Amino acid sequence: RSSKESLNQALNDVGYPDSFVERGLSNGRIEQNAKAPQSSTWWSHVNPDFRKLCYPHVLSTSQGKADCRTLASLFKEKKINFPVHVLVAGEEGTVCIEDSIQEMKEILGDQLTVHRYPDAGHSIHSTEPVKYQETINAIINKC
């Protein structure tokens, strides 16, 4: 964006509050373009269109529950067999709803492993990189 104000407006337009922008400035997810600081362009590691698409089509639907039920059915029929992992950021960063995680556990049973990162922001790989990498390595090593 050509200015911090236009970036803020673009994020506001899709539902991000001003506090999100301020937090992004403090944690590095929103920054002035380092390649051209004289141009006053700003970069967000969060694409405003992501929220515009994700909330109505993924996070605010029952599609995830339907998909878990489909997986559970396929596991039961022994048509597939693999673990399912959910990585959950800390309270301020997560988009996960605890009731939904519990529903996933009820539907998927032992196939589901929930990994929690209480100190992580939304981008677990960026805010808890060591713990994240340990988790990924452990998952890969079990394959």
N, C-alpha and C. Protein backbone atom coordinates (compact mmCIF):
# COMPACT_ATOMS: atom_id res chain seq x y z
N ARG A 1 0.83 -1.18 0.00
CA ARG A 1 0.00 0.00 0.00
C ARG A 1 0.88 1.24 0.00
N SER A 2 0.33 2.28 -0.51
CA SER A 2 1.12 3.50 -0.67
C SER A 2 1.31 4.27 0.62
N SER A 3 0.52 3.96 1.63
CA SER A 3 0.68 4.64 2.91
C SER A 3 0.18 3.74 4.03
N LYS A 4 0.61 4.04 5.24
CA LYS A 4 0.13 3.29 6.39
C LYS A 4 -1.39 3.45 6.52
N GLU A 5 -1.87 4.64 6.21
CA GLU A 5 -3.31 4.91 6.30
C GLU A 5 -4.11 4.07 5.30
N SER A 6 -3.60 3.93 4.07
CA SER A 6 -4.34 3.13 3.08
C SER A 6 -4.30 1.65 3.44
N LEU A 7 -3.20 1.19 4.03
CA LEU A 7 -3.13 -0.19 4.49
C LEU A 7 -4.13 -0.39 5.62
N ASN A 8 -4.15 0.52 6.58
CA ASN A 8 -5.08 0.44 7.69
C ASN A 8 -6.52 0.40 7.17
N GLN A 9 -6.83 1.25 6.19
CA GLN A 9 -8.19 1.28 5.63
C GLN A 9 -8.53 -0.04 4.95
N ALA A 10 -7.59 -0.59 4.18
CA ALA A 10 -7.84 -1.87 3.50
C ALA A 10 -8.12 -2.98 4.51
N LEU A 11 -7.38 -2.99 5.61
CA LEU A 11 -7.60 -4.00 6.65
C LEU A 11 -8.91 -3.74 7.38
N ASN A 12 -9.22 -2.48 7.67
CA ASN A 12 -10.50 -2.13 8.31
C ASN A 12 -11.68 -2.54 7.44
N ASP A 13 -11.56 -2.34 6.14
CA ASP A 13 -12.66 -2.62 5.21
C ASP A 13 -13.11 -4.07 5.24
N VAL A 14 -12.20 -4.98 5.59
CA VAL A 14 -12.57 -6.39 5.62
C VAL A 14 -12.74 -6.91 7.05
N GLY A 15 -12.75 -5.99 8.02
CA GLY A 15 -13.10 -6.39 9.38
C GLY A 15 -12.01 -6.40 10.41
N TYR A 16 -10.78 -6.12 10.02
CA TYR A 16 -9.71 -6.06 11.01
C TYR A 16 -9.83 -4.75 11.78
N PRO A 17 -9.82 -4.80 13.11
CA PRO A 17 -9.91 -3.57 13.90
C PRO A 17 -8.58 -2.82 13.92
N ASP A 18 -8.63 -1.54 14.31
CA ASP A 18 -7.41 -0.73 14.41
C ASP A 18 -6.38 -1.39 15.32
N SER A 19 -6.85 -2.08 16.37
CA SER A 19 -5.92 -2.73 17.30
C SER A 19 -5.10 -3.80 16.60
N PHE A 20 -5.67 -4.45 15.57
CA PHE A 20 -4.93 -5.45 14.79
C PHE A 20 -3.75 -4.79 14.08
N VAL A 21 -4.00 -3.62 13.52
CA VAL A 21 -2.94 -2.91 12.82
C VAL A 21 -1.85 -2.48 13.80
N GLU A 22 -2.25 -1.93 14.93
CA GLU A 22 -1.25 -1.51 15.92
C GLU A 22 -0.44 -2.70 16.42
N ARG A 23 -1.09 -3.82 16.67
CA ARG A 23 -0.38 -5.03 17.11
C ARG A 23 0.56 -5.51 16.00
N GLY A 24 0.09 -5.43 14.74
CA GLY A 24 0.92 -5.83 13.60
C GLY A 24 2.17 -4.97 13.46
N LEU A 25 2.02 -3.69 13.75
CA LEU A 25 3.18 -2.80 13.70
C LEU A 25 4.19 -3.15 14.79
N SER A 26 3.69 -3.56 15.96
CA SER A 26 4.61 -3.86 17.06
C SER A 26 5.25 -5.24 16.93
N ASN A 27 4.56 -6.19 16.28
CA ASN A 27 5.13 -7.54 16.19
C ASN A 27 5.77 -7.84 14.84
N GLY A 28 5.80 -6.86 13.94
CA GLY A 28 6.49 -7.04 12.66
C GLY A 28 5.65 -7.61 11.55
N ARG A 29 4.35 -7.87 11.78
CA ARG A 29 3.52 -8.41 10.70
C ARG A 29 3.06 -7.32 9.74
N ILE A 30 3.23 -6.07 10.16
CA ILE A 30 2.99 -4.92 9.30
C ILE A 30 4.22 -4.05 9.40
N GLU A 31 4.80 -3.70 8.24
CA GLU A 31 6.06 -2.95 8.26
C GLU A 31 6.20 -2.07 7.04
N GLN A 32 7.06 -1.08 7.20
CA GLN A 32 7.38 -0.24 6.06
C GLN A 32 8.27 -1.05 5.12
N ASN A 33 8.09 -0.86 3.84
CA ASN A 33 8.85 -1.59 2.83
C ASN A 33 10.34 -1.33 3.01
N ALA A 34 11.07 -2.34 3.44
CA ALA A 34 12.51 -2.18 3.70
C ALA A 34 13.31 -1.98 2.41
N LYS A 35 12.78 -2.48 1.30
CA LYS A 35 13.50 -2.34 0.03
C LYS A 35 13.40 -0.94 -0.54
N ALA A 36 12.38 -0.21 -0.09
CA ALA A 36 12.21 1.15 -0.61
C ALA A 36 11.65 2.06 0.49
N PRO A 37 12.41 2.24 1.59
CA PRO A 37 11.87 3.03 2.71
C PRO A 37 11.55 4.47 2.33
N GLN A 38 12.22 4.99 1.32
CA GLN A 38 11.95 6.35 0.90
C GLN A 38 10.59 6.48 0.22
N SER A 39 10.01 5.37 -0.23
CA SER A 39 8.75 5.44 -0.97
C SER A 39 7.54 5.46 -0.04
N SER A 40 7.74 5.20 1.22
CA SER A 40 6.65 5.18 2.20
C SER A 40 5.61 4.10 1.91
N THR A 41 6.00 3.04 1.20
CA THR A 41 5.06 1.95 1.00
C THR A 41 5.07 1.03 2.21
N TRP A 42 3.93 0.40 2.45
CA TRP A 42 3.77 -0.46 3.62
C TRP A 42 3.37 -1.84 3.18
N TRP A 43 3.80 -2.81 3.95
CA TRP A 43 3.57 -4.21 3.64
C TRP A 43 2.90 -4.88 4.83
N SER A 44 1.88 -5.66 4.54
CA SER A 44 1.23 -6.47 5.57
C SER A 44 1.46 -7.93 5.25
N HIS A 45 1.88 -8.68 6.24
CA HIS A 45 2.05 -10.13 6.06
C HIS A 45 0.69 -10.82 6.08
N VAL A 46 -0.34 -10.06 6.32
CA VAL A 46 -1.72 -10.55 6.29
C VAL A 46 -2.39 -9.92 5.07
N ASN A 47 -2.84 -10.74 4.17
CA ASN A 47 -3.52 -10.26 2.98
C ASN A 47 -4.97 -9.95 3.34
N PRO A 48 -5.42 -8.70 3.14
CA PRO A 48 -6.81 -8.37 3.48
C PRO A 48 -7.82 -9.28 2.78
N ASP A 49 -7.53 -9.72 1.57
CA ASP A 49 -8.46 -10.59 0.86
C ASP A 49 -8.60 -11.96 1.52
N PHE A 50 -7.59 -12.36 2.29
CA PHE A 50 -7.68 -13.64 3.00
C PHE A 50 -8.89 -13.64 3.92
N ARG A 51 -9.02 -12.59 4.73
CA ARG A 51 -10.15 -12.52 5.66
C ARG A 51 -11.47 -12.45 4.90
N LYS A 52 -11.47 -11.66 3.83
CA LYS A 52 -12.69 -11.50 3.05
C LYS A 52 -13.18 -12.85 2.52
N LEU A 53 -12.27 -13.73 2.16
CA LEU A 53 -12.63 -15.04 1.62
C LEU A 53 -12.75 -16.11 2.71
N CYS A 54 -11.84 -16.08 3.67
CA CYS A 54 -11.75 -17.15 4.65
C CYS A 54 -12.94 -17.18 5.61
N TYR A 55 -13.32 -16.05 6.14
CA TYR A 55 -14.38 -16.06 7.15
C TYR A 55 -15.70 -16.58 6.59
N PRO A 56 -16.20 -16.04 5.48
CA PRO A 56 -17.50 -16.54 5.02
C PRO A 56 -17.46 -17.94 4.38
N HIS A 57 -16.29 -18.37 3.92
CA HIS A 57 -16.23 -19.65 3.21
C HIS A 57 -15.60 -20.79 4.02
N VAL A 58 -14.91 -20.46 5.11
CA VAL A 58 -14.25 -21.50 5.90
C VAL A 58 -14.60 -21.39 7.38
N LEU A 59 -14.22 -20.29 8.00
CA LEU A 59 -14.33 -20.18 9.45
C LEU A 59 -15.75 -20.00 9.96
N SER A 60 -16.63 -19.45 9.17
CA SER A 60 -18.00 -19.21 9.61
C SER A 60 -18.98 -20.19 8.98
N THR A 61 -18.51 -21.37 8.68
CA THR A 61 -19.38 -22.38 8.08
C THR A 61 -19.28 -23.67 8.87
N SER A 62 -20.09 -24.62 8.51
CA SER A 62 -20.03 -25.95 9.14
C SER A 62 -19.24 -26.92 8.27
N GLN A 63 -18.53 -26.41 7.28
CA GLN A 63 -17.79 -27.28 6.35
C GLN A 63 -16.73 -28.12 7.07
N GLY A 64 -16.04 -27.52 8.05
CA GLY A 64 -15.01 -28.27 8.78
C GLY A 64 -15.59 -29.47 9.49
N LYS A 65 -16.75 -29.31 10.11
CA LYS A 65 -17.39 -30.43 10.80
C LYS A 65 -17.77 -31.52 9.80
N ALA A 66 -18.32 -31.10 8.65
CA ALA A 66 -18.69 -32.08 7.62
C ALA A 66 -17.45 -32.83 7.13
N ASP A 67 -16.35 -32.12 6.95
CA ASP A 67 -15.11 -32.76 6.50
C ASP A 67 -14.58 -33.73 7.54
N CYS A 68 -14.67 -33.37 8.82
CA CYS A 68 -14.24 -34.29 9.89
C CYS A 68 -15.08 -35.55 9.88
N ARG A 69 -16.37 -35.40 9.67
CA ARG A 69 -17.27 -36.57 9.61
C ARG A 69 -16.93 -37.46 8.42
N THR A 70 -16.60 -36.83 7.30
CA THR A 70 -16.21 -37.62 6.12
C THR A 70 -14.93 -38.40 6.42
N LEU A 71 -13.94 -37.73 7.02
CA LEU A 71 -12.71 -38.43 7.39
C LEU A 71 -12.98 -39.57 8.35
N ALA A 72 -13.80 -39.31 9.37
CA ALA A 72 -14.10 -40.34 10.36
C ALA A 72 -14.74 -41.56 9.70
N SER A 73 -15.62 -41.33 8.77
CA SER A 73 -16.27 -42.42 8.04
C SER A 73 -15.25 -43.22 7.24
N LEU A 74 -14.35 -42.51 6.58
CA LEU A 74 -13.32 -43.19 5.79
C LEU A 74 -12.34 -43.95 6.69
N PHE A 75 -12.03 -43.40 7.86
CA PHE A 75 -11.18 -44.12 8.82
C PHE A 75 -11.89 -45.40 9.27
N LYS A 76 -13.16 -45.29 9.60
CA LYS A 76 -13.94 -46.43 10.09
C LYS A 76 -14.02 -47.53 9.03
N GLU A 77 -14.18 -47.12 7.78
CA GLU A 77 -14.26 -48.09 6.67
C GLU A 77 -12.88 -48.59 6.24
N LYS A 78 -11.84 -48.11 6.92
CA LYS A 78 -10.45 -48.48 6.64
C LYS A 78 -10.03 -48.15 5.21
N LYS A 79 -10.63 -47.10 4.66
CA LYS A 79 -10.26 -46.65 3.32
C LYS A 79 -9.05 -45.71 3.38
N ILE A 80 -8.85 -45.10 4.53
CA ILE A 80 -7.68 -44.24 4.75
C ILE A 80 -7.18 -44.50 6.16
N ASN A 81 -5.92 -44.18 6.39
CA ASN A 81 -5.37 -44.33 7.73
C ASN A 81 -4.16 -43.41 7.86
N PHE A 82 -4.38 -42.28 8.46
CA PHE A 82 -3.30 -41.33 8.72
C PHE A 82 -3.71 -40.46 9.91
N PRO A 83 -2.74 -39.92 10.61
CA PRO A 83 -3.07 -39.04 11.74
C PRO A 83 -3.49 -37.66 11.26
N VAL A 84 -4.31 -37.02 12.05
CA VAL A 84 -4.73 -35.64 11.78
C VAL A 84 -4.16 -34.77 12.90
N HIS A 85 -3.49 -33.71 12.53
CA HIS A 85 -2.86 -32.82 13.51
C HIS A 85 -3.47 -31.43 13.39
N VAL A 86 -3.80 -30.85 14.53
CA VAL A 86 -4.29 -29.46 14.58
C VAL A 86 -3.31 -28.68 15.44
N LEU A 87 -2.81 -27.59 14.92
CA LEU A 87 -1.89 -26.73 15.65
C LEU A 87 -2.65 -25.49 16.08
N VAL A 88 -2.69 -25.23 17.38
CA VAL A 88 -3.51 -24.16 17.93
C VAL A 88 -2.62 -23.11 18.58
N ALA A 89 -2.74 -21.89 18.08
CA ALA A 89 -1.98 -20.76 18.63
C ALA A 89 -2.56 -20.34 19.97
N GLY A 90 -1.86 -19.41 20.62
CA GLY A 90 -2.33 -18.87 21.89
C GLY A 90 -3.63 -18.11 21.73
N GLU A 91 -4.20 -17.72 22.85
CA GLU A 91 -5.53 -17.11 22.87
C GLU A 91 -5.65 -15.88 21.96
N GLU A 92 -4.64 -15.03 21.94
CA GLU A 92 -4.73 -13.82 21.12
C GLU A 92 -4.51 -14.09 19.64
N GLY A 93 -3.88 -15.20 19.29
CA GLY A 93 -3.57 -15.44 17.90
C GLY A 93 -4.44 -16.45 17.20
N THR A 94 -5.16 -17.24 17.95
CA THR A 94 -5.86 -18.36 17.33
C THR A 94 -7.16 -17.96 16.65
N VAL A 95 -7.51 -18.68 15.62
CA VAL A 95 -8.83 -18.57 15.02
C VAL A 95 -9.68 -19.78 15.41
N CYS A 96 -9.08 -20.68 16.19
CA CYS A 96 -9.78 -21.88 16.62
C CYS A 96 -10.72 -21.57 17.77
N ILE A 97 -11.89 -22.19 17.72
CA ILE A 97 -12.86 -22.08 18.79
C ILE A 97 -12.77 -23.37 19.59
N GLU A 98 -12.62 -23.25 20.89
CA GLU A 98 -12.41 -24.43 21.73
C GLU A 98 -13.51 -25.47 21.56
N ASP A 99 -14.76 -25.04 21.43
CA ASP A 99 -15.86 -26.00 21.22
C ASP A 99 -15.67 -26.77 19.92
N SER A 100 -15.15 -26.11 18.90
CA SER A 100 -14.91 -26.79 17.62
C SER A 100 -13.80 -27.82 17.74
N ILE A 101 -12.77 -27.49 18.50
CA ILE A 101 -11.69 -28.45 18.72
C ILE A 101 -12.23 -29.67 19.46
N GLN A 102 -13.07 -29.44 20.44
CA GLN A 102 -13.68 -30.56 21.18
C GLN A 102 -14.54 -31.42 20.25
N GLU A 103 -15.30 -30.78 19.36
CA GLU A 103 -16.10 -31.53 18.38
C GLU A 103 -15.20 -32.37 17.48
N MET A 104 -14.09 -31.80 17.06
CA MET A 104 -13.15 -32.56 16.24
C MET A 104 -12.66 -33.79 16.98
N LYS A 105 -12.35 -33.63 18.28
CA LYS A 105 -11.90 -34.76 19.09
C LYS A 105 -12.97 -35.84 19.17
N GLU A 106 -14.21 -35.40 19.37
CA GLU A 106 -15.32 -36.36 19.46
C GLU A 106 -15.53 -37.10 18.15
N ILE A 107 -15.39 -36.40 17.03
CA ILE A 107 -15.63 -37.01 15.73
C ILE A 107 -14.45 -37.89 15.29
N LEU A 108 -13.24 -37.41 15.47
CA LEU A 108 -12.06 -38.10 14.94
C LEU A 108 -11.39 -39.03 15.94
N GLY A 109 -11.67 -38.87 17.22
CA GLY A 109 -11.12 -39.76 18.24
C GLY A 109 -9.60 -39.79 18.24
N ASP A 110 -9.05 -41.00 18.27
CA ASP A 110 -7.61 -41.18 18.39
C ASP A 110 -6.83 -40.76 17.14
N GLN A 111 -7.52 -40.52 16.04
CA GLN A 111 -6.82 -40.07 14.82
C GLN A 111 -6.33 -38.63 14.96
N LEU A 112 -6.90 -37.89 15.93
CA LEU A 112 -6.60 -36.47 16.07
C LEU A 112 -5.60 -36.21 17.19
N THR A 113 -4.60 -35.41 16.88
CA THR A 113 -3.67 -34.91 17.89
C THR A 113 -3.72 -33.39 17.84
N VAL A 114 -3.93 -32.77 19.00
CA VAL A 114 -3.97 -31.32 19.09
C VAL A 114 -2.66 -30.85 19.71
N HIS A 115 -1.98 -29.98 19.03
CA HIS A 115 -0.73 -29.39 19.52
C HIS A 115 -1.03 -27.95 19.89
N ARG A 116 -0.69 -27.57 21.11
CA ARG A 116 -1.00 -26.22 21.59
C ARG A 116 0.28 -25.41 21.80
N TYR A 117 0.18 -24.15 21.42
CA TYR A 117 1.29 -23.20 21.53
C TYR A 117 0.75 -21.96 22.25
N PRO A 118 0.65 -22.01 23.57
CA PRO A 118 -0.01 -20.93 24.31
C PRO A 118 0.63 -19.56 24.16
N ASP A 119 1.91 -19.51 23.85
CA ASP A 119 2.58 -18.22 23.70
C ASP A 119 2.69 -17.76 22.25
N ALA A 120 2.14 -18.54 21.33
CA ALA A 120 2.27 -18.23 19.91
C ALA A 120 1.19 -17.27 19.45
N GLY A 121 1.56 -16.47 18.47
CA GLY A 121 0.59 -15.66 17.76
C GLY A 121 -0.02 -16.50 16.64
N HIS A 122 -0.83 -15.87 15.81
CA HIS A 122 -1.54 -16.59 14.75
C HIS A 122 -0.58 -17.39 13.86
N SER A 123 0.53 -16.81 13.48
CA SER A 123 1.51 -17.50 12.65
C SER A 123 2.46 -18.27 13.56
N ILE A 124 2.07 -19.46 13.92
CA ILE A 124 2.83 -20.26 14.88
C ILE A 124 4.27 -20.45 14.40
N HIS A 125 4.43 -20.69 13.10
CA HIS A 125 5.78 -20.92 12.56
C HIS A 125 6.68 -19.71 12.72
N SER A 126 6.09 -18.51 12.81
CA SER A 126 6.89 -17.30 12.98
C SER A 126 7.08 -16.91 14.44
N THR A 127 6.08 -17.18 15.26
CA THR A 127 6.13 -16.71 16.65
C THR A 127 6.66 -17.75 17.63
N GLU A 128 6.62 -19.01 17.27
CA GLU A 128 7.20 -20.09 18.08
C GLU A 128 7.96 -21.04 17.16
N PRO A 129 8.97 -20.54 16.43
CA PRO A 129 9.59 -21.36 15.38
C PRO A 129 10.26 -22.63 15.89
N VAL A 130 10.87 -22.60 17.06
CA VAL A 130 11.56 -23.80 17.56
C VAL A 130 10.54 -24.88 17.91
N LYS A 131 9.52 -24.52 18.67
CA LYS A 131 8.49 -25.50 19.05
C LYS A 131 7.75 -26.00 17.81
N TYR A 132 7.47 -25.10 16.88
CA TYR A 132 6.80 -25.48 15.64
C TYR A 132 7.64 -26.51 14.89
N GLN A 133 8.92 -26.23 14.71
CA GLN A 133 9.80 -27.15 13.98
C GLN A 133 9.92 -28.49 14.69
N GLU A 134 9.96 -28.48 16.01
CA GLU A 134 9.99 -29.73 16.77
C GLU A 134 8.74 -30.56 16.48
N THR A 135 7.60 -29.90 16.44
CA THR A 135 6.34 -30.60 16.14
C THR A 135 6.37 -31.19 14.75
N ILE A 136 6.75 -30.39 13.77
CA ILE A 136 6.78 -30.86 12.38
C ILE A 136 7.76 -32.01 12.24
N ASN A 137 8.92 -31.90 12.85
CA ASN A 137 9.91 -32.99 12.78
C ASN A 137 9.35 -34.26 13.40
N ALA A 138 8.68 -34.15 14.54
CA ALA A 138 8.10 -35.32 15.20
C ALA A 138 7.03 -35.96 14.31
N ILE A 139 6.21 -35.15 13.67
CA ILE A 139 5.18 -35.69 12.77
C ILE A 139 5.84 -36.42 11.61
N ILE A 140 6.83 -35.81 11.01
CA ILE A 140 7.51 -36.44 9.86
C ILE A 140 8.21 -37.72 10.28
N ASN A 141 8.84 -37.70 11.45
CA ASN A 141 9.58 -38.89 11.90
C ASN A 141 8.67 -40.08 12.18
N LYS A 142 7.38 -39.83 12.44
CA LYS A 142 6.43 -40.92 12.68
C LYS A 142 5.88 -41.49 11.37
N CYS A 143 6.14 -40.82 10.26
CA CYS A 143 5.61 -41.29 8.96
C CYS A 143 6.35 -42.53 8.48
